[in-house]
C-alpha atoms as a PDB file:
ATOM      1  CA  MET A   1      47.095 -11.797  29.581  1.00  0.00           C
ATOM      2  CA  ALA A   2      43.363 -11.411  30.284  1.00  0.00           C
ATOM      3  CA  TYR A   3      43.420  -7.632  29.193  1.00  0.00           C
ATOM      4  CA  ARG A   4      44.843  -8.669  25.804  1.00  0.00           C
ATOM      5  CA  LEU A   5      42.072 -11.133  25.156  1.00  0.00           C
ATOM      6  CA  ILE A   6      39.444  -8.648  26.259  1.00  0.00           C
ATOM      7  CA  THR A   7      41.041  -5.919  24.102  1.00  0.00           C
ATOM      8  CA  GLN A   8      41.037  -8.220  21.144  1.00  0.00           C
ATOM      9  CA  VAL A   9      37.469  -9.196  21.570  1.00  0.00           C
ATOM     10  CA  VAL A  10      36.351  -5.543  21.737  1.00  0.00           C
ATOM     11  CA  LEU A  11      38.350  -4.586  18.670  1.00  0.00           C
ATOM     12  CA  ILE A  12      37.032  -7.578  16.570  1.00  0.00           C
ATOM     13  CA  GLY A  13      33.473  -6.853  17.707  1.00  0.00           C
ATOM     14  CA  THR A  14      33.948  -3.146  16.738  1.00  0.00           C
ATOM     15  CA  ARG A  15      35.171  -4.103  13.340  1.00  0.00           C
ATOM     16  CA  VAL A  16      32.300  -6.480  12.629  1.00  0.00           C
ATOM     17  CA  VAL A  17      29.721  -4.018  13.699  1.00  0.00           C
ATOM     18  CA  GLY A  18      31.313  -1.253  11.653  1.00  0.00           C
ATOM     19  CA  ARG A  19      31.477  -3.352   8.563  1.00  0.00           C
ATOM     20  CA  ALA A  20      27.856  -4.384   8.908  1.00  0.00           C
ATOM     21  CA  PHE A  21      26.714  -0.850   9.417  1.00  0.00           C
ATOM     22  CA  ALA A  22      28.659   0.298   6.347  1.00  0.00           C
ATOM     23  CA  GLU A  23      27.122  -2.397   4.165  1.00  0.00           C
ATOM     24  CA  ALA A  24      23.603  -1.477   5.402  1.00  0.00           C
ATOM     25  CA  TYR A  25      24.223   2.195   4.587  1.00  0.00           C
ATOM     26  CA  LYS A  26      25.423   1.198   1.033  1.00  0.00           C
ATOM     27  CA  GLN A  27      22.325  -0.873   0.355  1.00  0.00           C
ATOM     28  CA  ALA A  28      19.969   1.856   1.799  1.00  0.00           C
ATOM     29  CA  SER A  29      21.787   4.478  -0.508  1.00  0.00           C
ATOM     30  CA  ALA A  30      21.399   2.253  -3.495  1.00  0.00           C
ATOM     31  CA  SER A  31      17.714   1.597  -2.853  1.00  0.00           C
ATOM     32  CA  SER A  32      17.071   5.302  -2.419  1.00  0.00           C
ATOM     33  CA  GLN A  33      18.903   6.142  -5.673  1.00  0.00           C
ATOM     34  CA  TYR A  34      16.929   3.475  -7.495  1.00  0.00           C
ATOM     35  CA  GLN A  35      13.547   4.843  -6.198  1.00  0.00           C
ATOM     36  CA  ARG A  36      14.477   8.364  -7.232  1.00  0.00           C
ATOM     37  CA  ALA A  37      15.411   7.155 -10.659  1.00  0.00           C
ATOM     38  CA  GLN A  38      12.160   5.315 -11.019  1.00  0.00           C
ATOM     39  CA  ALA A  39      10.210   8.298 -10.037  1.00  0.00           C
ATOM     40  CA  LYS A  40      12.038  10.525 -12.541  1.00  0.00           C
ATOM     41  CA  ALA A  41      11.321   7.974 -15.335  1.00  0.00           C
ATOM     42  CA  GLY A  42       7.735   8.297 -14.539  1.00  0.00           C
ATOM     43  CA  ASN A  43       6.924   4.881 -13.677  1.00  0.00           C
ATOM     44  CA  PRO A  44       3.557   4.511 -11.938  1.00  0.00           C
ATOM     45  CA  VAL A  45       3.304   3.866  -8.176  1.00  0.00           C
ATOM     46  CA  SER A  46       0.985   0.944  -8.723  1.00  0.00           C
ATOM     47  CA  GLY A  47       3.850  -1.535  -9.466  1.00  0.00           C
ATOM     48  CA  ARG A  48       5.324  -0.822  -6.012  1.00  0.00           C
ATOM     49  CA  ALA A  49       3.833  -2.089  -2.861  1.00  0.00           C
ATOM     50  CA  SER A  50       1.575   0.254  -1.007  1.00  0.00           C
ATOM     51  CA  LEU A  51       3.077   1.435   2.230  1.00  0.00           C
ATOM     52  CA  SER A  52      -0.047   0.841   4.140  1.00  0.00           C
ATOM     53  CA  SER A  53      -0.875  -2.665   2.965  1.00  0.00           C
ATOM     54  CA  GLY A  54       2.521  -3.925   1.749  1.00  0.00           C
ATOM     55  CA  MET A  55       0.803  -5.384  -1.310  1.00  0.00           C
ATOM     56  CA  THR A  56       1.261  -4.569  -4.897  1.00  0.00           C
ATOM     57  CA  LEU A  57      -1.790  -3.877  -7.112  1.00  0.00           C
ATOM     58  CA  GLU A  58      -1.017  -6.833  -9.183  1.00  0.00           C
ATOM     59  CA  GLU A  59      -1.101  -9.105  -6.110  1.00  0.00           C
ATOM     60  CA  ALA A  60      -4.328  -7.721  -4.984  1.00  0.00           C
ATOM     61  CA  CYS A  61      -5.961  -8.191  -8.316  1.00  0.00           C
ATOM     62  CA  LYS A  62      -4.765 -11.868  -8.339  1.00  0.00           C
ATOM     63  CA  ILE A  63      -6.112 -12.446  -4.816  1.00  0.00           C
ATOM     64  CA  LEU A  64      -9.604 -11.162  -5.677  1.00  0.00           C
ATOM     65  CA  ASN A  65      -9.377 -12.507  -9.353  1.00  0.00           C
ATOM     66  CA  VAL A  66     -10.340  -9.209 -10.915  1.00  0.00           C
ATOM     67  CA  LYS A  67      -8.908  -7.125 -13.712  1.00  0.00           C
ATOM     68  CA  PRO A  68      -6.453  -4.258 -12.713  1.00  0.00           C
ATOM     69  CA  PRO A  69      -7.974  -0.768 -12.778  1.00  0.00           C
ATOM     70  CA  GLN A  70      -7.394   0.832 -16.154  1.00  0.00           C
ATOM     71  CA  GLY A  71      -6.824   4.639 -15.844  1.00  0.00           C
ATOM     72  CA  GLY A  72      -7.832   4.570 -12.260  1.00  0.00           C
ATOM     73  CA  LYS A  73     -11.201   3.075 -12.965  1.00  0.00           C
ATOM     74  CA  ALA A  74     -12.339  -0.362 -11.774  1.00  0.00           C
ATOM     75  CA  ASP A  75     -15.572  -2.208 -11.533  1.00  0.00           C
ATOM     76  CA  MET A  76     -15.958  -1.821  -7.740  1.00  0.00           C
ATOM     77  CA  GLU A  77     -19.202  -3.889  -7.688  1.00  0.00           C
ATOM     78  CA  GLU A  78     -17.240  -6.839  -8.972  1.00  0.00           C
ATOM     79  CA  VAL A  79     -14.459  -6.187  -6.446  1.00  0.00           C
ATOM     80  CA  MET A  80     -16.993  -5.918  -3.513  1.00  0.00           C
ATOM     81  CA  GLU A  81     -18.829  -9.047  -4.717  1.00  0.00           C
ATOM     82  CA  ARG A  82     -15.626 -11.117  -4.850  1.00  0.00           C
ATOM     83  CA  PHE A  83     -14.402  -9.663  -1.663  1.00  0.00           C
ATOM     84  CA  LYS A  84     -17.644 -10.539   0.333  1.00  0.00           C
ATOM     85  CA  ARG A  85     -17.775 -14.005  -1.172  1.00  0.00           C
ATOM     86  CA  LEU A  86     -14.075 -14.759  -0.342  1.00  0.00           C
ATOM     87  CA  PHE A  87     -14.170 -13.092   2.996  1.00  0.00           C
ATOM     88  CA  ASP A  88     -17.207 -14.995   4.209  1.00  0.00           C
ATOM     89  CA  SER A  89     -15.923 -18.316   2.864  1.00  0.00           C
ATOM     90  CA  ASN A  90     -12.688 -17.873   4.906  1.00  0.00           C
ATOM     91  CA  ASP A  91     -14.389 -17.153   8.167  1.00  0.00           C
ATOM     92  CA  PRO A  92     -12.420 -18.742  10.990  1.00  0.00           C
ATOM     93  CA  LYS A  93     -15.716 -19.685  12.752  1.00  0.00           C
ATOM     94  CA  GLN A  94     -16.616 -21.871   9.775  1.00  0.00           C
ATOM     95  CA  GLY A  95     -13.153 -23.568   9.536  1.00  0.00           C
ATOM     96  CA  GLY A  96     -11.542 -20.863   7.342  1.00  0.00           C
ATOM     97  CA  SER A  97      -8.259 -19.064   7.671  1.00  0.00           C
ATOM     98  CA  PHE A  98      -7.769 -15.762   9.491  1.00  0.00           C
ATOM     99  CA  TYR A  99      -4.601 -15.205   7.461  1.00  0.00           C
ATOM    100  CA  LEU A 100      -6.392 -15.633   4.171  1.00  0.00           C
ATOM    101  CA  GLN A 101      -9.212 -13.374   5.449  1.00  0.00           C
ATOM    102  CA  SER A 102      -6.824 -10.582   6.225  1.00  0.00           C
ATOM    103  CA  LYS A 103      -5.092 -10.892   2.802  1.00  0.00           C
ATOM    104  CA  ILE A 104      -8.430 -10.646   1.093  1.00  0.00           C
ATOM    105  CA  LEU A 105      -9.139  -7.459   3.156  1.00  0.00           C
ATOM    106  CA  ARG A 106      -5.788  -5.929   2.325  1.00  0.00           C
ATOM    107  CA  ALA A 107      -6.294  -6.680  -1.441  1.00  0.00           C
ATOM    108  CA  ARG A 108      -9.630  -4.900  -1.332  1.00  0.00           C
ATOM    109  CA  GLU A 109      -8.179  -1.895   0.462  1.00  0.00           C
ATOM    110  CA  ARG A 110      -5.227  -1.779  -1.990  1.00  0.00           C
ATOM    111  CA  ILE A 111      -7.643  -1.647  -5.047  1.00  0.00           C
ATOM    112  CA  GLU A 112      -9.735   0.965  -3.263  1.00  0.00           C
ATOM    113  CA  ALA A 113      -6.624   3.069  -2.636  1.00  0.00           C
ATOM    114  CA  GLU A 114      -5.657   2.863  -6.373  1.00  0.00           C
ATOM    115  CA  VAL A 115      -9.155   3.887  -7.566  1.00  0.00           C
ATOM    116  CA  LYS A 116      -9.780   6.523  -4.863  1.00  0.00           C
ATOM    117  CA  PRO A 117      -7.905   9.547  -6.434  1.00  0.00           C
ATOM    118  CA  ALA A 118      -9.610   9.036  -9.812  1.00  0.00           C
ATOM    119  CA  VAL A 119     -13.125   8.945  -8.157  1.00  0.00           C
ATOM    120  CA  GLU A 120     -12.223  12.104  -6.165  1.00  0.00           C
ATOM    121  CA  LYS A 121     -10.987  13.856  -9.318  1.00  0.00           C
ATOM    122  CA  ALA A 122     -14.221  12.940 -11.124  1.00  0.00           C
ATOM    123  CA  ALA A 123     -16.392  14.276  -8.324  1.00  0.00           C
ATOM    124  CA  VAL A 124     -14.399  17.524  -8.388  1.00  0.00           C
ATOM    125  CA  GLU A 125     -14.828  17.874 -12.208  1.00  0.00           C
ATOM    126  CA  ALA A 126     -18.490  17.099 -11.963  1.00  0.00           C
ATOM    127  CA  GLU A 127     -18.967  19.789  -9.318  1.00  0.00           C
ATOM    128  CA  ALA A 128     -16.948  22.218 -11.410  1.00  0.00           C
ATOM    129  CA  LYS A 129     -19.260  21.515 -14.398  1.00  0.00           C
ATOM    130  CA  GLU A 130     -22.413  21.957 -12.342  1.00  0.00           C
ATOM    131  CA  GLY A 131     -21.098  25.032 -10.593  1.00  0.00           C
ATOM    132  CA  TRP A 132     -21.132  25.508  -6.810  1.00  0.00           C
ATOM    133  CA  ASN A 133     -24.658  25.388  -5.468  1.00  0.00           C
ATOM    134  CA  PRO A 134     -24.688  25.926  -1.702  1.00  0.00           C
ATOM    135  CA  LYS A 135     -27.683  24.564   0.251  1.00  0.00           C
ATOM    136  CA  ILE A 136     -29.490  27.495   1.772  1.00  0.00           C
ATOM    137  CA  TYR A 137     -31.887  26.837   4.668  1.00  0.00           C
ATOM    138  CA  LYS A 138     -34.448  29.430   5.752  1.00  0.00           C
ATOM    139  CA  ASP A 139     -35.493  29.687   9.384  1.00  0.00           C
ATOM    140  CA  LYS A 140     -39.175  29.148   9.671  1.00  0.00           C
ATOM    141  CA  GLY A 141     -39.440  30.784  13.011  1.00  0.00           C
ATOM    142  CA  LYS A 142     -38.301  34.333  11.981  1.00  0.00           C
END
């Protein structure tokens, strides 16, 4: 009698775990297909959450109360000014919130990550216009 009960418990448990695994696989597959379709459609990455910060660009701009970068360009002076003011006002030593401070930091990092490729591209283009000018140092002792 006991072996029947144990067998039934094992079979039912296996069915439950198997169904849960199958459902999780279906959801992961659907998510993967959706992301591929979005990438093919040419939708920008900025709408999705950054993998490092877990925050969308829109959320980061709302936190710091700045305009979203247009064409990869943003007023970084304004971003840094707002960041410093909010970060300092939420200092836990002055009765602020560590959680809010970390959200403010992640928002700044997310905006910087969005602007960084455009800044690097502009620097490469500027160097290409100027030409490559290596710095040559002469030894004075020889």
